[in-house]
């Protein structure tokens, strides 16, 4: 499912060159998002 894929949130969407959502994945306040086969969630959840 597209909403469960990390690249949907951080990379170009459909190769249109408009860019993705720019979400940053990691374990700190500068990169607060995580994903593990489900929908994205904030690292502190």
PDB file of N, CA and C in Angstrom:
ATOM      1  N   UNK A   1       0.842  -1.166   0.000  1.00  0.00           N
ATOM      2  CA  UNK A   1       0.000   0.000   0.000  1.00  0.00           C
ATOM      3  C   UNK A   1       0.900   1.245   0.000  1.00  0.00           C
ATOM      4  N   UNK A   2       0.575   2.204  -0.788  1.00  0.00           N
ATOM      5  CA  UNK A   2       1.407   3.387  -0.972  1.00  0.00           C
ATOM      6  C   UNK A   2       1.569   4.209   0.320  1.00  0.00           C
ATOM      7  N   UNK A   3       0.535   4.274   1.151  1.00  0.00           N
ATOM      8  CA  UNK A   3       0.621   5.052   2.384  1.00  0.00           C
ATOM      9  C   UNK A   3       1.485   4.389   3.448  1.00  0.00           C
ATOM     10  N   UNK A   4       1.873   3.135   3.245  1.00  0.00           N
ATOM     11  CA  UNK A   4       2.727   2.423   4.185  1.00  0.00           C
ATOM     12  C   UNK A   4       4.171   2.367   3.704  1.00  0.00           C
ATOM     13  N   UNK A   5       4.520   3.168   2.700  1.00  0.00           N
ATOM     14  CA  UNK A   5       5.854   3.174   2.111  1.00  0.00           C
ATOM     15  C   UNK A   5       6.552   4.493   2.428  1.00  0.00           C
ATOM     16  N   UNK A   6       7.754   4.385   2.962  1.00  0.00           N
ATOM     17  CA  UNK A   6       8.517   5.567   3.376  1.00  0.00           C
ATOM     18  C   UNK A   6       8.738   6.557   2.234  1.00  0.00           C
ATOM     19  N   UNK A   7       9.002   6.062   1.045  1.00  0.00           N
ATOM     20  CA  UNK A   7       9.294   6.942  -0.084  1.00  0.00           C
ATOM     21  C   UNK A   7       8.107   7.830  -0.457  1.00  0.00           C
ATOM     22  N   UNK A   8       6.895   7.434  -0.123  1.00  0.00           N
ATOM     23  CA  UNK A   8       5.713   8.262  -0.383  1.00  0.00           C
ATOM     24  C   UNK A   8       5.817   9.599   0.338  1.00  0.00           C
ATOM     25  N   UNK A   9       6.421   9.590   1.496  1.00  0.00           N
ATOM     26  CA  UNK A   9       6.468  10.773   2.344  1.00  0.00           C
ATOM     27  C   UNK A   9       7.726  11.616   2.164  1.00  0.00           C
ATOM     28  N   UNK A  10       8.816  11.027   1.668  1.00  0.00           N
ATOM     29  CA  UNK A  10      10.057  11.787   1.597  1.00  0.00           C
ATOM     30  C   UNK A  10      10.575  12.036   0.190  1.00  0.00           C
ATOM     31  N   UNK A  11      10.132  11.343  -0.817  1.00  0.00           N
ATOM     32  CA  UNK A  11      10.652  11.462  -2.181  1.00  0.00           C
ATOM     33  C   UNK A  11       9.618  12.055  -3.136  1.00  0.00           C
ATOM     34  N   UNK A  12      10.040  12.254  -4.403  1.00  0.00           N
ATOM     35  CA  UNK A  12       9.108  12.704  -5.444  1.00  0.00           C
ATOM     36  C   UNK A  12       7.910  11.765  -5.521  1.00  0.00           C
ATOM     37  N   UNK A  13       6.750  12.342  -5.695  1.00  0.00           N
ATOM     38  CA  UNK A  13       5.532  11.551  -5.830  1.00  0.00           C
ATOM     39  C   UNK A  13       5.252  11.347  -7.311  1.00  0.00           C
ATOM     40  N   UNK A  14       5.159  10.121  -7.740  1.00  0.00           N
ATOM     41  CA  UNK A  14       4.850   9.754  -9.128  1.00  0.00           C
ATOM     42  C   UNK A  14       5.852  10.322 -10.126  1.00  0.00           C
ATOM     43  N   UNK A  15       7.058  10.670  -9.677  1.00  0.00           N
ATOM     44  CA  UNK A  15       8.089  11.165 -10.586  1.00  0.00           C
ATOM     45  C   UNK A  15       7.733  12.467 -11.271  1.00  0.00           C
ATOM     46  N   UNK A  16       6.844  13.247 -10.678  1.00  0.00           N
ATOM     47  CA  UNK A  16       6.405  14.484 -11.326  1.00  0.00           C
ATOM     48  C   UNK A  16       7.346  15.659 -11.075  1.00  0.00           C
ATOM     49  N   UNK A  17       8.398  15.447 -10.263  1.00  0.00           N
ATOM     50  CA  UNK A  17       9.362  16.503  -9.993  1.00  0.00           C
ATOM     51  C   UNK A  17       8.887  17.540  -8.992  1.00  0.00           C
ATOM     52  N   UNK A  18       7.699  17.364  -8.446  1.00  0.00           N
ATOM     53  CA  UNK A  18       7.180  18.332  -7.489  1.00  0.00           C
ATOM     54  C   UNK A  18       7.670  18.072  -6.074  1.00  0.00           C
ATOM     55  N   UNK A  19       8.336  16.954  -5.873  1.00  0.00           N
ATOM     56  CA  UNK A  19       8.851  16.621  -4.547  1.00  0.00           C
ATOM     57  C   UNK A  19       7.821  15.916  -3.696  1.00  0.00           C
ATOM     58  N   UNK A  20       8.316  15.250  -2.694  1.00  0.00           N
ATOM     59  CA  UNK A  20       7.444  14.554  -1.768  1.00  0.00           C
ATOM     60  C   UNK A  20       6.982  15.499  -0.671  1.00  0.00           C
ATOM     61  N   UNK A  21       6.570  14.927   0.420  1.00  0.00           N
ATOM     62  CA  UNK A  21       6.085  15.724   1.530  1.00  0.00           C
ATOM     63  C   UNK A  21       7.226  16.269   2.377  1.00  0.00           C
ATOM     64  N   UNK A  22       8.428  15.743   2.176  1.00  0.00           N
ATOM     65  CA  UNK A  22       9.589  16.240   2.901  1.00  0.00           C
ATOM     66  C   UNK A  22       9.683  15.768   4.340  1.00  0.00           C
ATOM     67  N   UNK A  23       8.994  14.682   4.689  1.00  0.00           N
ATOM     68  CA  UNK A  23       9.067  14.155   6.038  1.00  0.00           C
ATOM     69  C   UNK A  23      10.455  13.603   6.286  1.00  0.00           C
ATOM     70  N   UNK A  24      10.967  13.741   7.499  1.00  0.00           N
ATOM     71  CA  UNK A  24      12.292  13.260   7.857  1.00  0.00           C
ATOM     72  C   UNK A  24      12.152  12.121   8.858  1.00  0.00           C
ATOM     73  N   UNK A  25      12.793  10.990   8.541  1.00  0.00           N
ATOM     74  CA  UNK A  25      12.695   9.796   9.368  1.00  0.00           C
ATOM     75  C   UNK A  25      13.944   9.628  10.213  1.00  0.00           C
ATOM     76  N   UNK A  26      13.772   9.342  11.495  1.00  0.00           N
ATOM     77  CA  UNK A  26      14.889   9.149  12.406  1.00  0.00           C
ATOM     78  C   UNK A  26      14.413   8.987  13.836  1.00  0.00           C
ATOM     79  N   UNK A  27      15.264   9.393  14.781  1.00  0.00           N
ATOM     80  CA  UNK A  27      14.979   9.198  16.203  1.00  0.00           C
ATOM     81  C   UNK A  27      15.210  10.459  17.038  1.00  0.00           C
ATOM     82  N   UNK A  28      14.985  11.623  16.471  1.00  0.00           N
ATOM     83  CA  UNK A  28      15.169  12.843  17.246  1.00  0.00           C
ATOM     84  C   UNK A  28      14.193  13.910  16.772  1.00  0.00           C
ATOM     85  N   UNK A  29      14.222  15.066  17.406  1.00  0.00           N
ATOM     86  CA  UNK A  29      13.252  16.120  17.082  1.00  0.00           C
ATOM     87  C   UNK A  29      13.435  16.683  15.681  1.00  0.00           C
ATOM     88  N   UNK A  30      14.640  16.613  15.124  1.00  0.00           N
ATOM     89  CA  UNK A  30      14.871  17.091  13.760  1.00  0.00           C
ATOM     90  C   UNK A  30      14.392  16.088  12.716  1.00  0.00           C
ATOM     91  N   UNK A  31      14.300  14.829  13.086  1.00  0.00           N
ATOM     92  CA  UNK A  31      13.872  13.737  12.201  1.00  0.00           C
ATOM     93  C   UNK A  31      12.870  12.876  12.971  1.00  0.00           C
ATOM     94  N   UNK A  32      11.648  13.382  13.176  1.00  0.00           N
ATOM     95  CA  UNK A  32      10.740  12.759  14.145  1.00  0.00           C
ATOM     96  C   UNK A  32       9.925  11.562  13.659  1.00  0.00           C
ATOM     97  N   UNK A  33       9.952  11.243  12.385  1.00  0.00           N
ATOM     98  CA  UNK A  33       9.050  10.203  11.876  1.00  0.00           C
ATOM     99  C   UNK A  33       9.700   8.837  11.816  1.00  0.00           C
ATOM    100  N   UNK A  34       8.880   7.792  12.058  1.00  0.00           N
ATOM    101  CA  UNK A  34       9.298   6.395  11.919  1.00  0.00           C
ATOM    102  C   UNK A  34       8.211   5.677  11.114  1.00  0.00           C
ATOM    103  N   UNK A  35       8.594   4.571  10.505  1.00  0.00           N
ATOM    104  CA  UNK A  35       7.633   3.737   9.777  1.00  0.00           C
ATOM    105  C   UNK A  35       8.176   2.314   9.808  1.00  0.00           C
ATOM    106  N   UNK A  36       7.314   1.344  10.029  1.00  0.00           N
ATOM    107  CA  UNK A  36       7.757  -0.050  10.077  1.00  0.00           C
ATOM    108  C   UNK A  36       6.673  -0.981   9.537  1.00  0.00           C
ATOM    109  N   UNK A  37       6.332  -0.816   8.285  1.00  0.00           N
ATOM    110  CA  UNK A  37       5.326  -1.661   7.671  1.00  0.00           C
ATOM    111  C   UNK A  37       3.900  -1.237   7.998  1.00  0.00           C
ATOM    112  N   UNK A  38       3.761  -0.051   8.552  1.00  0.00           N
ATOM    113  CA  UNK A  38       2.436   0.476   8.863  1.00  0.00           C
ATOM    114  C   UNK A  38       2.427   1.945   8.467  1.00  0.00           C
ATOM    115  N   UNK A  39       1.476   2.664   8.960  1.00  0.00           N
ATOM    116  CA  UNK A  39       1.441   4.092   8.693  1.00  0.00           C
ATOM    117  C   UNK A  39       2.542   4.785   9.504  1.00  0.00           C
ATOM    118  N   UNK A  40       3.009   5.943   9.065  1.00  0.00           N
ATOM    119  CA  UNK A  40       4.041   6.658   9.811  1.00  0.00           C
ATOM    120  C   UNK A  40       3.553   7.063  11.201  1.00  0.00           C
ATOM    121  N   UNK A  41       4.492   7.151  12.117  1.00  0.00           N
ATOM    122  CA  UNK A  41       4.187   7.606  13.464  1.00  0.00           C
ATOM    123  C   UNK A  41       5.374   8.398  13.991  1.00  0.00           C
ATOM    124  N   UNK A  42       5.151   9.210  15.002  1.00  0.00           N
ATOM    125  CA  UNK A  42       6.214  10.008  15.605  1.00  0.00           C
ATOM    126  C   UNK A  42       7.054   9.116  16.497  1.00  0.00           C
ATOM    127  N   UNK A  43       8.372   9.332  16.513  1.00  0.00           N
ATOM    128  CA  UNK A  43       9.283   8.434  17.213  1.00  0.00           C
ATOM    129  C   UNK A  43       8.983   8.303  18.707  1.00  0.00           C
ATOM    130  N   UNK A  44       8.370   9.306  19.326  1.00  0.00           N
ATOM    131  CA  UNK A  44       8.114   9.223  20.761  1.00  0.00           C
ATOM    132  C   UNK A  44       6.823   8.470  21.091  1.00  0.00           C
ATOM    133  N   UNK A  45       6.067   8.044  20.075  1.00  0.00           N
ATOM    134  CA  UNK A  45       4.822   7.306  20.335  1.00  0.00           C
ATOM    135  C   UNK A  45       5.107   5.851  20.581  1.00  0.00           C
TER     136      UNK A  45
END
